């Protein structure tokens, strides 16, 4: 996908700066087969390929582009279950606390 064609990345989520919310994918490289499905799938540019020693691997390059918060599309598309996200419950607690601090 061409960068100009990507959807707009939100700077805020429910009134909280997106970079304060720890919601982003985590790749388990013991499982990852570097198929690139996550890179192709994510319209927000969270992933990129990185080449090292002649081998390509998917990396989380822009973690806070993972919007909307609580999206798990890449996790669902990974054929080997190498992608996880933080706990939704814990993330929501953090969001609620940040909202309270802001009020």
N, C-alpha and C. Protein backbone atom coordinates (compact mmCIF):
# COMPACT_ATOMS: atom_id res chain seq x y z
N UNK A 1 0.85 -1.18 0.00
CA UNK A 1 0.00 0.00 0.00
C UNK A 1 0.89 1.24 0.00
N UNK A 2 0.57 2.19 -0.83
CA UNK A 2 1.31 3.44 -0.90
C UNK A 2 0.97 4.26 0.34
N UNK A 3 1.98 4.88 0.93
CA UNK A 3 1.79 5.60 2.18
C UNK A 3 0.67 6.63 2.09
N UNK A 4 0.54 7.34 0.98
CA UNK A 4 -0.51 8.34 0.83
C UNK A 4 -1.91 7.74 0.82
N UNK A 5 -2.01 6.44 0.55
CA UNK A 5 -3.30 5.77 0.49
C UNK A 5 -3.75 5.22 1.84
N UNK A 6 -2.86 5.28 2.83
CA UNK A 6 -3.20 4.73 4.14
C UNK A 6 -4.27 5.58 4.81
N UNK A 7 -5.12 4.93 5.62
CA UNK A 7 -6.10 5.70 6.39
C UNK A 7 -5.38 6.61 7.38
N UNK A 8 -6.05 7.65 7.79
CA UNK A 8 -5.49 8.60 8.76
C UNK A 8 -5.28 7.91 10.10
N UNK A 9 -4.09 8.06 10.67
CA UNK A 9 -3.79 7.52 12.00
C UNK A 9 -4.28 8.55 13.01
N UNK A 10 -5.03 8.08 13.97
CA UNK A 10 -5.59 8.97 14.99
C UNK A 10 -4.53 9.31 16.05
N UNK A 11 -4.42 10.59 16.39
CA UNK A 11 -3.51 11.03 17.45
C UNK A 11 -4.12 10.85 18.83
N UNK A 12 -5.45 10.76 18.87
CA UNK A 12 -6.17 10.66 20.14
C UNK A 12 -7.10 9.45 20.10
N UNK A 13 -7.35 8.89 21.27
CA UNK A 13 -8.33 7.82 21.42
C UNK A 13 -9.14 8.13 22.67
N UNK A 14 -10.43 8.38 22.48
CA UNK A 14 -11.33 8.74 23.58
C UNK A 14 -10.76 9.89 24.41
N UNK A 15 -10.15 10.86 23.71
CA UNK A 15 -9.62 12.05 24.38
C UNK A 15 -8.25 11.88 25.01
N UNK A 16 -7.64 10.71 24.83
CA UNK A 16 -6.33 10.41 25.40
C UNK A 16 -5.31 10.36 24.26
N UNK A 17 -4.13 10.99 24.42
CA UNK A 17 -3.11 10.87 23.38
C UNK A 17 -2.79 9.40 23.11
N UNK A 18 -2.78 9.05 21.85
CA UNK A 18 -2.59 7.65 21.46
C UNK A 18 -1.28 7.08 21.98
N UNK A 19 -0.23 7.90 22.05
CA UNK A 19 1.06 7.39 22.50
C UNK A 19 1.13 7.13 24.01
N UNK A 20 0.05 7.41 24.72
CA UNK A 20 -0.03 7.08 26.16
C UNK A 20 -0.71 5.74 26.40
N UNK A 21 -1.26 5.14 25.33
CA UNK A 21 -2.03 3.90 25.45
C UNK A 21 -1.17 2.74 24.93
N UNK A 22 -0.81 1.81 25.81
CA UNK A 22 0.07 0.71 25.41
C UNK A 22 -0.66 -0.42 24.67
N UNK A 23 -1.17 -0.10 23.51
CA UNK A 23 -1.87 -1.10 22.68
C UNK A 23 -1.17 -1.19 21.34
N UNK A 24 -0.48 -2.29 21.13
CA UNK A 24 0.21 -2.53 19.87
C UNK A 24 0.56 -4.01 19.80
N UNK A 25 0.82 -4.50 18.60
CA UNK A 25 1.13 -5.92 18.45
C UNK A 25 2.53 -6.26 18.94
N UNK A 26 2.65 -7.51 19.37
CA UNK A 26 3.93 -8.06 19.81
C UNK A 26 4.17 -9.32 18.99
N UNK A 27 5.33 -9.42 18.36
CA UNK A 27 5.65 -10.58 17.52
C UNK A 27 6.53 -11.54 18.30
N UNK A 28 6.11 -12.80 18.32
CA UNK A 28 6.90 -13.87 18.92
C UNK A 28 7.76 -14.44 17.80
N UNK A 29 9.04 -14.08 17.78
CA UNK A 29 9.91 -14.50 16.69
C UNK A 29 10.26 -15.98 16.73
N UNK A 30 9.94 -16.65 17.83
CA UNK A 30 10.11 -18.11 17.86
C UNK A 30 9.05 -18.80 17.00
N UNK A 31 7.92 -18.10 16.78
CA UNK A 31 6.83 -18.64 15.97
C UNK A 31 6.78 -18.04 14.56
N UNK A 32 7.20 -16.78 14.43
CA UNK A 32 7.06 -16.05 13.18
C UNK A 32 7.80 -16.74 12.03
N UNK A 33 7.12 -16.85 10.89
CA UNK A 33 7.73 -17.44 9.69
C UNK A 33 8.03 -16.38 8.62
N UNK A 34 7.89 -15.13 9.00
CA UNK A 34 8.18 -13.99 8.09
C UNK A 34 7.42 -14.07 6.78
N UNK A 35 6.16 -14.46 6.84
CA UNK A 35 5.34 -14.56 5.64
C UNK A 35 4.90 -13.19 5.13
N UNK A 36 4.87 -12.19 6.02
CA UNK A 36 4.51 -10.84 5.62
C UNK A 36 3.02 -10.55 5.58
N UNK A 37 2.20 -11.49 6.03
CA UNK A 37 0.75 -11.24 6.00
C UNK A 37 0.38 -10.04 6.86
N UNK A 38 1.08 -9.85 7.96
CA UNK A 38 0.79 -8.71 8.84
C UNK A 38 1.15 -7.39 8.15
N UNK A 39 2.28 -7.39 7.44
CA UNK A 39 2.71 -6.19 6.71
C UNK A 39 1.68 -5.83 5.65
N UNK A 40 1.22 -6.84 4.91
CA UNK A 40 0.22 -6.62 3.86
C UNK A 40 -1.13 -6.21 4.44
N UNK A 41 -1.51 -6.80 5.57
CA UNK A 41 -2.84 -6.60 6.14
C UNK A 41 -3.02 -5.20 6.75
N UNK A 42 -2.05 -4.76 7.51
CA UNK A 42 -2.25 -3.54 8.30
C UNK A 42 -2.22 -2.29 7.43
N UNK A 43 -3.36 -1.65 7.33
CA UNK A 43 -3.50 -0.45 6.51
C UNK A 43 -2.89 0.78 7.18
N UNK A 44 -2.52 0.66 8.46
CA UNK A 44 -2.01 1.81 9.20
C UNK A 44 -0.49 1.86 9.26
N UNK A 45 0.18 0.93 8.61
CA UNK A 45 1.63 0.97 8.55
C UNK A 45 2.33 0.64 9.86
N UNK A 46 1.70 -0.20 10.67
CA UNK A 46 2.32 -0.60 11.93
C UNK A 46 3.56 -1.45 11.66
N UNK A 47 3.48 -2.31 10.65
CA UNK A 47 4.56 -3.24 10.34
C UNK A 47 5.36 -2.80 9.13
N UNK A 48 6.60 -3.25 9.11
CA UNK A 48 7.45 -3.13 7.93
C UNK A 48 8.34 -4.35 7.88
N UNK A 49 8.90 -4.60 6.70
CA UNK A 49 9.92 -5.63 6.59
C UNK A 49 11.26 -5.01 6.93
N UNK A 50 12.06 -5.76 7.64
CA UNK A 50 13.42 -5.35 7.94
C UNK A 50 14.34 -6.46 7.43
N UNK A 51 15.39 -6.07 6.75
CA UNK A 51 16.30 -7.08 6.21
C UNK A 51 17.58 -7.09 7.04
N UNK A 52 17.97 -8.28 7.45
CA UNK A 52 19.17 -8.44 8.25
C UNK A 52 19.84 -9.75 7.83
N UNK A 53 21.11 -9.67 7.50
CA UNK A 53 21.87 -10.84 7.05
C UNK A 53 21.19 -11.55 5.88
N UNK A 54 20.61 -10.76 4.98
CA UNK A 54 19.97 -11.32 3.79
C UNK A 54 18.61 -11.94 4.03
N UNK A 55 18.09 -11.82 5.24
CA UNK A 55 16.77 -12.38 5.57
C UNK A 55 15.80 -11.26 5.92
N UNK A 56 14.58 -11.38 5.40
CA UNK A 56 13.53 -10.42 5.72
C UNK A 56 12.75 -10.91 6.93
N UNK A 57 12.37 -9.96 7.78
CA UNK A 57 11.46 -10.31 8.87
C UNK A 57 10.51 -9.16 9.11
N UNK A 58 9.32 -9.48 9.56
CA UNK A 58 8.32 -8.47 9.88
C UNK A 58 8.68 -7.87 11.23
N UNK A 59 8.58 -6.54 11.32
CA UNK A 59 8.83 -5.86 12.59
C UNK A 59 7.72 -4.84 12.84
N UNK A 60 7.47 -4.57 14.12
CA UNK A 60 6.53 -3.53 14.51
C UNK A 60 7.32 -2.23 14.47
N UNK A 61 7.13 -1.48 13.40
CA UNK A 61 7.91 -0.26 13.17
C UNK A 61 7.22 0.98 13.76
N UNK A 62 5.91 1.01 13.72
CA UNK A 62 5.13 2.17 14.18
C UNK A 62 4.03 1.69 15.14
N UNK A 63 4.39 1.31 16.36
CA UNK A 63 3.42 0.69 17.26
C UNK A 63 2.18 1.53 17.56
N UNK A 64 2.36 2.85 17.66
CA UNK A 64 1.21 3.68 18.01
C UNK A 64 0.32 4.01 16.82
N UNK A 65 0.66 3.49 15.65
CA UNK A 65 -0.24 3.57 14.50
C UNK A 65 -1.33 2.51 14.61
N UNK A 66 -1.22 1.62 15.56
CA UNK A 66 -2.19 0.54 15.73
C UNK A 66 -3.51 1.14 16.19
N UNK A 67 -4.30 1.54 15.21
CA UNK A 67 -5.58 2.14 15.47
C UNK A 67 -6.62 1.46 14.59
N UNK A 68 -7.81 1.33 15.03
CA UNK A 68 -8.28 1.76 16.33
C UNK A 68 -7.71 0.88 17.44
N UNK A 69 -7.63 1.47 18.63
CA UNK A 69 -7.21 0.69 19.79
C UNK A 69 -8.17 -0.48 19.91
N UNK A 70 -7.67 -1.62 20.26
CA UNK A 70 -8.37 -2.90 20.40
C UNK A 70 -8.56 -3.65 19.08
N UNK A 71 -7.98 -3.15 18.00
CA UNK A 71 -7.97 -3.91 16.75
C UNK A 71 -7.07 -5.12 16.95
N UNK A 72 -7.49 -6.27 16.46
CA UNK A 72 -6.69 -7.49 16.52
C UNK A 72 -6.65 -8.18 15.15
N UNK A 73 -6.89 -7.43 14.10
CA UNK A 73 -6.95 -8.02 12.77
C UNK A 73 -5.68 -8.76 12.37
N UNK A 74 -4.53 -8.18 12.68
CA UNK A 74 -3.27 -8.83 12.30
C UNK A 74 -3.06 -10.12 13.10
N UNK A 75 -3.52 -10.11 14.32
CA UNK A 75 -3.42 -11.30 15.17
C UNK A 75 -4.23 -12.45 14.56
N UNK A 76 -5.39 -12.10 14.06
CA UNK A 76 -6.28 -13.10 13.48
C UNK A 76 -5.78 -13.62 12.14
N UNK A 77 -5.05 -12.79 11.38
CA UNK A 77 -4.59 -13.19 10.05
C UNK A 77 -3.27 -13.96 10.09
N UNK A 78 -2.55 -13.90 11.20
CA UNK A 78 -1.25 -14.59 11.30
C UNK A 78 -1.46 -16.10 11.27
N UNK A 79 -0.87 -16.78 10.29
CA UNK A 79 -1.13 -18.22 10.14
C UNK A 79 -0.50 -19.10 11.23
N UNK A 80 0.45 -18.55 12.00
CA UNK A 80 1.12 -19.37 13.01
C UNK A 80 0.91 -18.85 14.43
N UNK A 81 0.05 -17.85 14.59
CA UNK A 81 -0.24 -17.33 15.93
C UNK A 81 0.94 -16.64 16.58
N UNK A 82 1.75 -15.95 15.78
CA UNK A 82 2.94 -15.29 16.31
C UNK A 82 2.68 -13.88 16.84
N UNK A 83 1.47 -13.36 16.62
CA UNK A 83 1.17 -11.99 17.02
C UNK A 83 0.18 -11.99 18.17
N UNK A 84 0.50 -11.22 19.19
CA UNK A 84 -0.41 -11.02 20.32
C UNK A 84 -0.49 -9.52 20.61
N UNK A 85 -1.43 -9.18 21.45
CA UNK A 85 -1.60 -7.80 21.92
C UNK A 85 -1.70 -7.82 23.43
N UNK A 86 -1.50 -6.67 24.06
CA UNK A 86 -1.69 -6.61 25.51
C UNK A 86 -3.13 -6.95 25.89
N UNK A 87 -3.36 -7.18 27.14
CA UNK A 87 -4.69 -7.49 27.65
C UNK A 87 -5.63 -6.31 27.41
N UNK A 88 -6.79 -6.60 26.81
CA UNK A 88 -7.79 -5.55 26.59
C UNK A 88 -8.26 -4.98 27.93
N UNK A 89 -8.45 -5.86 28.90
CA UNK A 89 -8.92 -5.42 30.22
C UNK A 89 -7.92 -4.46 30.87
N UNK A 90 -6.64 -4.82 30.84
CA UNK A 90 -5.61 -3.97 31.44
C UNK A 90 -5.47 -2.65 30.67
N UNK A 91 -5.56 -2.73 29.35
CA UNK A 91 -5.47 -1.52 28.53
C UNK A 91 -6.63 -0.59 28.83
N UNK A 92 -7.84 -1.14 28.99
CA UNK A 92 -9.00 -0.31 29.31
C UNK A 92 -8.83 0.34 30.67
N UNK A 93 -8.24 -0.36 31.63
CA UNK A 93 -7.98 0.22 32.96
C UNK A 93 -7.05 1.42 32.84
N UNK A 94 -6.03 1.29 32.00
CA UNK A 94 -5.09 2.40 31.78
C UNK A 94 -5.81 3.59 31.15
N UNK A 95 -6.64 3.31 30.15
CA UNK A 95 -7.41 4.38 29.50
C UNK A 95 -8.31 5.08 30.50
N UNK A 96 -9.01 4.30 31.32
CA UNK A 96 -9.90 4.89 32.33
C UNK A 96 -9.14 5.75 33.32
N UNK A 97 -7.96 5.27 33.75
CA UNK A 97 -7.14 6.03 34.70
C UNK A 97 -6.68 7.33 34.06
N UNK A 98 -6.26 7.28 32.81
CA UNK A 98 -5.83 8.49 32.11
C UNK A 98 -6.97 9.48 31.94
N UNK A 99 -8.17 8.97 31.72
CA UNK A 99 -9.35 9.85 31.60
C UNK A 99 -9.63 10.54 32.93
N UNK A 100 -9.51 9.78 34.03
CA UNK A 100 -9.74 10.34 35.37
C UNK A 100 -8.71 11.41 35.69
N UNK A 101 -7.46 11.17 35.34
CA UNK A 101 -6.40 12.14 35.58
C UNK A 101 -6.64 13.43 34.79
N UNK A 102 -7.22 13.28 33.62
CA UNK A 102 -7.47 14.41 32.74
C UNK A 102 -8.65 15.27 33.23
N UNK A 103 -9.60 14.62 33.90
CA UNK A 103 -10.84 15.32 34.34
C UNK A 103 -10.60 16.29 35.46
